[in-house]
Amino acid sequence: MKRIGVLSLQGDVSEHVAMLNTLGCEVVKVRTLEQLDSVDALILPGGESTTIAHLLVTSGLSDALAVKLKEEMPVLGTCAGLILLSSEILDGRSDQWSYGALSVSVRRNGYGRQIASFESELDVQGVGRVPGIFIRAPRIERVSEEVEVLATLDHGDGAGEHPVFVRQGHVWGLSFHPELSSDTRVHELFLNSL
């Protein structure tokens, strides 16, 4: 059985852990280098991207995770996790960094602040209709040719369709929070790829 890690420095850790437990996974809350080394795949949860980035550095995990990404450890990032995995952060803080593991440009809070949070049904390739929960969600503004788009959203703001679920090889990124619904299929899609 594969061991699935959930980066447990800040954000919706418990929701991802509960979802993975529902699916019968062996779950490790990753806070140390030893815990990171013990897992076969990792989830980067939603939360506050600059805070998570800071805690990755202060915990000593930032460089080790960069190595794991280069070694093609499967990683799924939701919301803030997507921002951390992206190659470009639009409207980010001057000191904000990311791993560049997904060839996408993301705009922090691209769908609006907390008060503009919303839910929308999404058609996910290979899965069907799933609930999309968007909370201060990043908007994917650009994807490279290497990136597979698994779901898009037209938010009705005149900006047209934007990717909200993407994959580039072993790295997956979502603008929304699948862990906040009772629908397990997005997590299952990731787990079935391992």
Protein backbone atom coordinates (compact mmCIF):
# COMPACT_ATOMS: atom_id res chain seq x y z
CA MET A 1 0.00 0.00 0.00
CA LYS A 2 1.27 3.45 -0.92
CA ARG A 3 1.89 5.92 1.89
CA ILE A 4 0.36 9.32 1.13
CA GLY A 5 1.74 12.39 2.84
CA VAL A 6 -0.14 15.58 3.56
CA LEU A 7 2.09 18.60 4.14
CA SER A 8 1.01 19.59 7.64
CA LEU A 9 2.48 23.03 8.24
CA GLN A 10 -0.68 25.14 7.71
CA GLY A 11 -4.00 24.96 5.86
CA ASP A 12 -6.72 22.33 5.39
CA VAL A 13 -4.62 19.40 6.52
CA SER A 14 -7.31 17.58 8.51
CA GLU A 15 -9.77 17.67 5.60
CA HIS A 16 -7.30 15.96 3.23
CA VAL A 17 -6.34 13.45 5.93
CA ALA A 18 -10.01 12.61 6.52
CA MET A 19 -10.63 12.17 2.78
CA LEU A 20 -7.61 9.88 2.41
CA ASN A 21 -8.65 7.89 5.50
CA THR A 22 -12.09 7.43 3.94
CA LEU A 23 -10.33 5.91 0.93
CA GLY A 24 -8.36 3.50 3.13
CA CYS A 25 -4.95 5.12 2.59
CA GLU A 26 -2.02 5.01 4.94
CA VAL A 27 -1.61 8.72 5.68
CA VAL A 28 1.41 10.56 7.09
CA LYS A 29 1.20 14.15 8.29
CA VAL A 30 4.45 15.56 6.91
CA ARG A 31 6.25 18.06 9.15
CA THR A 32 9.82 16.67 9.11
CA LEU A 33 12.40 15.44 6.59
CA GLU A 34 12.01 11.90 7.92
CA GLN A 35 8.26 11.99 7.33
CA LEU A 36 8.75 13.39 3.81
CA ASP A 37 11.21 10.59 3.05
CA SER A 38 8.69 7.99 4.24
CA VAL A 39 5.90 8.77 1.73
CA ASP A 40 5.27 7.74 -1.88
CA ALA A 41 3.19 10.79 -2.82
CA LEU A 42 2.36 14.16 -1.27
CA ILE A 43 -0.57 16.54 -1.07
CA LEU A 44 0.08 20.27 -0.66
CA PRO A 45 -3.12 21.62 0.92
CA GLY A 46 -4.86 24.92 0.53
CA GLY A 47 -4.12 27.62 3.07
CA GLU A 48 -2.07 30.78 2.83
CA SER A 49 0.63 30.31 0.19
CA THR A 50 3.17 32.78 1.59
CA THR A 51 2.79 31.31 5.09
CA ILE A 52 3.23 27.75 3.82
CA ALA A 53 6.28 28.83 1.78
CA HIS A 54 7.80 30.49 4.86
CA LEU A 55 7.14 27.40 6.99
CA LEU A 56 8.67 25.14 4.32
CA VAL A 57 11.88 27.14 4.66
CA THR A 58 11.92 27.36 8.48
CA SER A 59 11.09 23.64 8.84
CA GLY A 60 13.95 22.68 6.54
CA LEU A 61 11.57 21.00 4.08
CA SER A 62 11.78 23.42 1.13
CA ASP A 63 14.96 22.05 -0.49
CA ALA A 64 14.05 18.45 0.25
CA LEU A 65 10.67 18.88 -1.43
CA ALA A 66 12.39 20.45 -4.46
CA VAL A 67 14.53 17.31 -4.72
CA LYS A 68 11.44 15.07 -4.41
CA LEU A 69 9.74 17.00 -7.23
CA LYS A 70 12.84 16.56 -9.44
CA GLU A 71 12.83 12.86 -8.60
CA GLU A 72 9.20 12.81 -9.83
CA MET A 73 7.43 12.11 -6.57
CA PRO A 74 3.69 12.46 -7.36
CA VAL A 75 2.37 15.68 -5.81
CA LEU A 76 -1.13 17.15 -5.80
CA GLY A 77 -1.55 20.81 -4.82
CA THR A 78 -4.89 22.39 -4.02
CA CYS A 79 -5.37 26.18 -3.98
CA ALA A 80 -2.26 27.44 -2.12
CA GLY A 81 -0.58 24.16 -3.08
CA LEU A 82 -1.18 25.02 -6.75
CA ILE A 83 0.45 28.42 -6.20
CA LEU A 84 3.50 26.78 -4.62
CA LEU A 85 3.84 24.40 -7.58
CA SER A 86 3.38 27.00 -10.34
CA SER A 87 6.10 28.47 -12.52
CA GLU A 88 4.80 32.05 -12.23
CA ILE A 89 2.82 33.87 -9.54
CA LEU A 90 1.00 36.96 -10.78
CA ASP A 91 0.30 39.66 -8.19
CA GLY A 92 2.37 37.81 -5.60
CA ARG A 93 4.44 39.42 -2.88
CA SER A 94 7.95 40.51 -3.87
CA ASP A 95 9.49 37.78 -1.69
CA GLN A 96 7.11 35.03 -2.82
CA TRP A 97 8.65 31.95 -4.42
CA SER A 98 7.39 28.74 -5.98
CA TYR A 99 8.80 25.41 -7.16
CA GLY A 100 8.12 25.87 -10.88
CA ALA A 101 6.98 22.24 -11.16
CA LEU A 102 3.84 23.14 -13.13
CA SER A 103 4.27 25.27 -16.26
CA VAL A 104 1.37 27.56 -15.36
CA SER A 105 0.91 31.19 -14.38
CA VAL A 106 -1.48 31.73 -11.49
CA ARG A 107 -3.05 34.87 -10.07
CA ARG A 108 -3.48 34.78 -6.28
CA ASN A 109 -7.09 35.38 -5.23
CA GLY A 110 -7.90 35.46 -8.96
CA TYR A 111 -11.60 34.87 -8.36
CA GLY A 112 -11.84 37.41 -5.53
CA ARG A 113 -11.25 37.70 -1.81
CA GLN A 114 -12.83 35.52 0.91
CA ILE A 115 -16.25 37.15 0.54
CA ALA A 116 -16.30 36.15 -3.15
CA SER A 117 -15.92 32.41 -2.40
CA PHE A 118 -18.30 30.21 -4.40
CA GLU A 119 -19.20 26.68 -5.47
CA SER A 120 -19.63 25.44 -9.02
CA GLU A 121 -20.13 22.05 -10.66
CA LEU A 122 -17.11 21.06 -12.76
CA ASP A 123 -16.74 18.55 -15.58
CA VAL A 124 -13.51 16.71 -14.76
CA GLN A 125 -11.97 14.64 -17.55
CA GLY A 126 -12.21 10.95 -16.73
CA VAL A 127 -14.39 11.58 -13.66
CA GLY A 128 -17.58 13.45 -14.57
CA ARG A 129 -19.33 16.24 -12.68
CA VAL A 130 -17.78 17.09 -9.31
CA PRO A 131 -18.38 19.91 -6.85
CA GLY A 132 -15.82 22.70 -7.06
CA ILE A 133 -15.39 24.76 -3.90
CA PHE A 134 -13.44 27.97 -4.53
CA ILE A 135 -12.15 29.96 -1.54
CA ARG A 136 -9.82 32.89 -2.33
CA ALA A 137 -8.92 30.68 -5.27
CA PRO A 138 -5.98 31.22 -7.58
CA ARG A 139 -6.88 31.69 -11.24
CA ILE A 140 -4.74 29.86 -13.79
CA GLU A 141 -4.03 32.49 -16.44
CA ARG A 142 -1.63 30.57 -18.67
CA VAL A 143 -0.70 26.94 -19.29
CA SER A 144 2.15 25.61 -21.42
CA GLU A 145 1.81 22.85 -24.02
CA GLU A 146 3.13 20.25 -21.55
CA VAL A 147 0.20 20.83 -19.20
CA GLU A 148 -2.94 18.72 -19.50
CA VAL A 149 -6.13 20.58 -18.59
CA LEU A 150 -8.55 18.28 -16.75
CA ALA A 151 -11.29 20.83 -15.95
CA THR A 152 -12.15 24.44 -16.77
CA LEU A 153 -14.53 27.05 -15.39
CA ASP A 154 -16.31 30.03 -16.88
CA HIS A 155 -16.98 32.12 -13.78
CA GLY A 156 -19.33 34.39 -15.73
CA ASP A 157 -17.16 37.48 -15.23
CA GLY A 158 -16.43 37.94 -18.94
CA ALA A 159 -12.94 36.43 -18.68
CA GLY A 160 -14.00 33.17 -20.38
CA GLU A 161 -12.91 29.64 -19.59
CA HIS A 162 -9.94 29.19 -17.26
CA PRO A 163 -8.30 25.89 -16.30
CA VAL A 164 -9.04 24.91 -12.69
CA PHE A 165 -7.55 21.40 -12.66
CA VAL A 166 -4.27 20.65 -14.44
CA ARG A 167 -1.63 17.96 -14.61
CA GLN A 168 1.94 17.92 -15.84
CA GLY A 169 3.32 14.42 -15.53
CA HIS A 170 3.58 13.59 -11.82
CA VAL A 171 2.42 17.04 -10.65
CA TRP A 172 -1.27 17.92 -10.29
CA GLY A 173 -2.75 21.35 -9.45
CA LEU A 174 -6.27 22.46 -8.56
CA SER A 175 -7.71 25.93 -7.99
CA PHE A 176 -10.49 24.43 -5.88
CA HIS A 177 -10.85 22.33 -2.72
CA PRO A 178 -12.03 18.75 -3.40
CA GLU A 179 -11.32 17.85 0.24
CA LEU A 180 -14.14 20.12 1.43
CA SER A 181 -16.86 18.05 -0.25
CA SER A 182 -17.88 14.45 0.37
CA ASP A 183 -17.01 13.52 -3.24
CA THR A 184 -13.84 11.39 -3.21
CA ARG A 185 -13.35 11.04 -6.98
CA VAL A 186 -10.67 13.72 -7.46
CA HIS A 187 -8.52 12.14 -4.75
CA GLU A 188 -9.22 8.72 -6.26
CA LEU A 189 -8.07 9.96 -9.68
CA PHE A 190 -4.75 11.04 -8.15
CA LEU A 191 -4.37 7.83 -6.13
CA ASN A 192 -5.16 5.64 -9.15
CA SER A 193 -2.26 7.28 -11.04
CA LEU A 194 0.28 6.09 -8.46
